[in-house]
């Protein structure tokens, strides 16, 4: 990709989608650094993982804050 700086989710998806299609018979691991838009891309890969064997791991910036999901069932 001929681009300076970080890419957005749509760019990342456009780059990854043909690779996933090409390698759909294989177990895959997608590894990304802290410039990856992890939440959106993670969700998209999780949906794809239903029909294809995909695992993924992304780095996080040091200033990333955890936002735990609150249990609202009480």
N, C-alpha and C. Protein backbone atom coordinates (compact mmCIF):
# COMPACT_ATOMS: atom_id res chain seq x y z
N UNK A 1 0.85 -1.16 0.00
CA UNK A 1 0.00 0.00 0.00
C UNK A 1 0.91 1.24 0.00
N UNK A 2 0.73 2.09 -0.94
CA UNK A 2 1.57 3.28 -1.07
C UNK A 2 0.94 4.43 -0.29
N UNK A 3 1.16 4.42 1.01
CA UNK A 3 0.53 5.41 1.87
C UNK A 3 1.42 5.69 3.07
N UNK A 4 1.51 6.95 3.44
CA UNK A 4 2.27 7.32 4.65
C UNK A 4 1.30 7.38 5.82
N UNK A 5 1.77 6.97 6.99
CA UNK A 5 0.94 7.02 8.18
C UNK A 5 0.04 5.80 8.29
N UNK A 6 -0.84 5.86 9.26
CA UNK A 6 -1.72 4.71 9.49
C UNK A 6 -2.86 4.67 8.48
N UNK A 7 -3.38 3.48 8.27
CA UNK A 7 -4.50 3.30 7.35
C UNK A 7 -5.79 3.22 8.15
N UNK A 8 -6.90 3.43 7.48
CA UNK A 8 -8.18 3.31 8.17
C UNK A 8 -8.73 1.89 7.98
N UNK A 9 -9.82 1.61 8.63
CA UNK A 9 -10.41 0.28 8.60
C UNK A 9 -10.76 -0.16 7.18
N UNK A 10 -11.32 0.72 6.38
CA UNK A 10 -11.71 0.36 5.01
C UNK A 10 -10.49 -0.02 4.17
N UNK A 11 -9.39 0.72 4.32
CA UNK A 11 -8.15 0.39 3.62
C UNK A 11 -7.64 -0.98 4.05
N UNK A 12 -7.66 -1.22 5.36
CA UNK A 12 -7.16 -2.49 5.90
C UNK A 12 -8.01 -3.65 5.40
N UNK A 13 -9.32 -3.48 5.41
CA UNK A 13 -10.23 -4.53 4.95
C UNK A 13 -10.02 -4.80 3.47
N UNK A 14 -9.84 -3.76 2.67
CA UNK A 14 -9.61 -3.92 1.24
C UNK A 14 -8.31 -4.66 0.96
N UNK A 15 -7.33 -4.48 1.81
CA UNK A 15 -6.05 -5.16 1.65
C UNK A 15 -6.13 -6.61 2.11
N UNK A 16 -6.82 -6.87 3.20
CA UNK A 16 -6.86 -8.20 3.80
C UNK A 16 -7.86 -9.13 3.10
N UNK A 17 -8.98 -8.60 2.65
CA UNK A 17 -10.05 -9.44 2.07
C UNK A 17 -9.56 -10.37 0.96
N UNK A 18 -8.82 -9.89 -0.06
CA UNK A 18 -8.38 -10.82 -1.11
C UNK A 18 -7.39 -11.87 -0.61
N UNK A 19 -6.61 -11.53 0.39
CA UNK A 19 -5.66 -12.50 0.96
C UNK A 19 -6.43 -13.61 1.67
N UNK A 20 -7.45 -13.24 2.44
CA UNK A 20 -8.27 -14.24 3.11
C UNK A 20 -8.96 -15.16 2.10
N UNK A 21 -9.45 -14.59 1.02
CA UNK A 21 -10.10 -15.39 -0.01
C UNK A 21 -9.11 -16.35 -0.67
N UNK A 22 -7.94 -15.85 -0.96
CA UNK A 22 -6.91 -16.66 -1.61
C UNK A 22 -6.46 -17.82 -0.72
N UNK A 23 -6.40 -17.58 0.58
CA UNK A 23 -5.89 -18.58 1.53
C UNK A 23 -6.99 -19.22 2.36
N UNK A 24 -8.21 -19.29 1.83
CA UNK A 24 -9.35 -19.74 2.63
C UNK A 24 -9.26 -21.20 3.07
N UNK A 25 -8.43 -21.99 2.45
CA UNK A 25 -8.28 -23.39 2.85
C UNK A 25 -7.30 -23.59 4.00
N UNK A 26 -6.64 -22.52 4.43
CA UNK A 26 -5.60 -22.61 5.44
C UNK A 26 -6.03 -21.96 6.75
N UNK A 27 -5.42 -22.40 7.83
CA UNK A 27 -5.57 -21.70 9.10
C UNK A 27 -4.69 -20.47 9.03
N UNK A 28 -5.23 -19.32 9.42
CA UNK A 28 -4.49 -18.07 9.30
C UNK A 28 -4.36 -17.36 10.64
N UNK A 29 -3.29 -16.61 10.77
CA UNK A 29 -3.09 -15.71 11.91
C UNK A 29 -2.78 -14.34 11.32
N UNK A 30 -3.58 -13.36 11.66
CA UNK A 30 -3.36 -11.98 11.23
C UNK A 30 -2.72 -11.25 12.40
N UNK A 31 -1.54 -10.68 12.16
CA UNK A 31 -0.80 -9.97 13.20
C UNK A 31 -0.70 -8.50 12.79
N UNK A 32 -1.02 -7.62 13.72
CA UNK A 32 -0.97 -6.19 13.42
C UNK A 32 -0.29 -5.41 14.52
N UNK A 33 0.32 -4.31 14.16
CA UNK A 33 0.96 -3.45 15.16
C UNK A 33 -0.06 -2.47 15.73
N UNK A 34 0.41 -1.52 16.49
CA UNK A 34 -0.50 -0.59 17.18
C UNK A 34 -1.16 0.41 16.24
N UNK A 35 -0.76 0.45 14.98
CA UNK A 35 -1.40 1.35 14.01
C UNK A 35 -2.67 0.75 13.44
N UNK A 36 -2.89 -0.53 13.69
CA UNK A 36 -4.10 -1.20 13.20
C UNK A 36 -5.31 -0.68 13.98
N UNK A 37 -6.42 -0.48 13.30
CA UNK A 37 -7.65 -0.06 13.97
C UNK A 37 -8.31 -1.32 14.53
N UNK A 38 -7.84 -1.73 15.68
CA UNK A 38 -8.13 -3.03 16.25
C UNK A 38 -9.58 -3.36 16.48
N UNK A 39 -10.38 -2.45 16.97
CA UNK A 39 -11.75 -2.78 17.33
C UNK A 39 -12.56 -3.13 16.10
N UNK A 40 -12.56 -2.27 15.10
CA UNK A 40 -13.34 -2.52 13.88
C UNK A 40 -12.82 -3.74 13.13
N UNK A 41 -11.51 -3.81 12.97
CA UNK A 41 -10.92 -4.92 12.24
C UNK A 41 -11.09 -6.23 13.01
N UNK A 42 -10.98 -6.19 14.32
CA UNK A 42 -11.19 -7.39 15.14
C UNK A 42 -12.60 -7.92 14.96
N UNK A 43 -13.58 -7.04 15.00
CA UNK A 43 -14.97 -7.46 14.83
C UNK A 43 -15.18 -8.08 13.45
N UNK A 44 -14.65 -7.45 12.42
CA UNK A 44 -14.79 -7.97 11.06
C UNK A 44 -14.13 -9.33 10.92
N UNK A 45 -12.93 -9.49 11.49
CA UNK A 45 -12.24 -10.78 11.43
C UNK A 45 -12.98 -11.84 12.24
N UNK A 46 -13.55 -11.43 13.38
CA UNK A 46 -14.30 -12.37 14.20
C UNK A 46 -15.50 -12.92 13.43
N UNK A 47 -16.18 -12.06 12.69
CA UNK A 47 -17.30 -12.50 11.85
C UNK A 47 -16.80 -13.45 10.76
N UNK A 48 -15.69 -13.12 10.14
CA UNK A 48 -15.12 -13.99 9.10
C UNK A 48 -14.67 -15.33 9.67
N UNK A 49 -14.26 -15.33 10.92
CA UNK A 49 -13.75 -16.55 11.56
C UNK A 49 -14.85 -17.59 11.77
N UNK A 50 -16.09 -17.21 11.61
CA UNK A 50 -17.19 -18.17 11.72
C UNK A 50 -17.09 -19.20 10.60
N UNK A 51 -16.70 -18.75 9.41
CA UNK A 51 -16.63 -19.65 8.26
C UNK A 51 -15.21 -19.99 7.83
N UNK A 52 -14.22 -19.31 8.39
CA UNK A 52 -12.83 -19.54 8.01
C UNK A 52 -11.99 -19.57 9.28
N UNK A 53 -10.95 -20.40 9.29
CA UNK A 53 -10.10 -20.51 10.47
C UNK A 53 -9.12 -19.34 10.53
N UNK A 54 -9.51 -18.31 11.28
CA UNK A 54 -8.70 -17.09 11.39
C UNK A 54 -8.51 -16.76 12.86
N UNK A 55 -7.27 -16.51 13.24
CA UNK A 55 -6.95 -15.95 14.55
C UNK A 55 -6.26 -14.62 14.29
N UNK A 56 -6.27 -13.75 15.28
CA UNK A 56 -5.63 -12.46 15.08
C UNK A 56 -5.12 -11.92 16.42
N UNK A 57 -4.11 -11.08 16.31
CA UNK A 57 -3.55 -10.40 17.47
C UNK A 57 -3.05 -9.03 17.01
N UNK A 58 -3.39 -8.01 17.78
CA UNK A 58 -2.97 -6.65 17.45
C UNK A 58 -2.28 -6.02 18.65
N UNK A 59 -1.23 -5.26 18.40
CA UNK A 59 -0.56 -4.51 19.45
C UNK A 59 -1.42 -3.32 19.87
N UNK A 60 -1.20 -2.85 21.06
CA UNK A 60 -1.93 -1.68 21.56
C UNK A 60 -0.95 -0.59 21.94
N UNK A 61 -1.33 0.64 21.71
CA UNK A 61 -0.50 1.78 22.12
C UNK A 61 -0.45 1.82 23.64
N UNK A 62 0.62 2.36 24.19
CA UNK A 62 0.78 2.41 25.64
C UNK A 62 -0.32 3.18 26.33
N UNK A 63 -0.86 4.19 25.66
CA UNK A 63 -1.88 5.02 26.30
C UNK A 63 -3.31 4.48 26.10
N UNK A 64 -3.43 3.26 25.57
CA UNK A 64 -4.75 2.65 25.41
C UNK A 64 -5.32 2.34 26.77
N UNK A 65 -6.56 2.74 26.98
CA UNK A 65 -7.22 2.49 28.26
C UNK A 65 -8.25 1.39 28.08
N UNK A 66 -8.28 0.52 29.06
CA UNK A 66 -9.24 -0.57 29.03
C UNK A 66 -10.62 -0.02 29.33
N UNK A 67 -11.59 -0.46 28.56
CA UNK A 67 -12.97 -0.06 28.77
C UNK A 67 -13.78 -1.34 28.96
N UNK A 68 -13.83 -1.86 30.17
CA UNK A 68 -14.52 -3.12 30.39
C UNK A 68 -16.00 -3.03 30.09
N UNK A 69 -16.57 -4.11 29.61
CA UNK A 69 -18.00 -4.16 29.33
C UNK A 69 -18.73 -4.31 30.65
N UNK A 70 -19.68 -3.44 30.86
CA UNK A 70 -20.44 -3.47 32.11
C UNK A 70 -21.58 -4.47 31.99
N UNK A 71 -21.79 -5.22 33.04
CA UNK A 71 -22.88 -6.18 33.09
C UNK A 71 -24.15 -5.42 33.47
N UNK A 72 -25.06 -5.32 32.53
CA UNK A 72 -26.30 -4.56 32.77
C UNK A 72 -27.49 -5.47 33.02
N UNK A 73 -27.23 -6.77 33.26
CA UNK A 73 -28.34 -7.70 33.43
C UNK A 73 -28.90 -7.68 34.85
N UNK A 74 -28.31 -6.92 35.76
CA UNK A 74 -28.80 -6.88 37.14
C UNK A 74 -29.94 -5.91 37.30
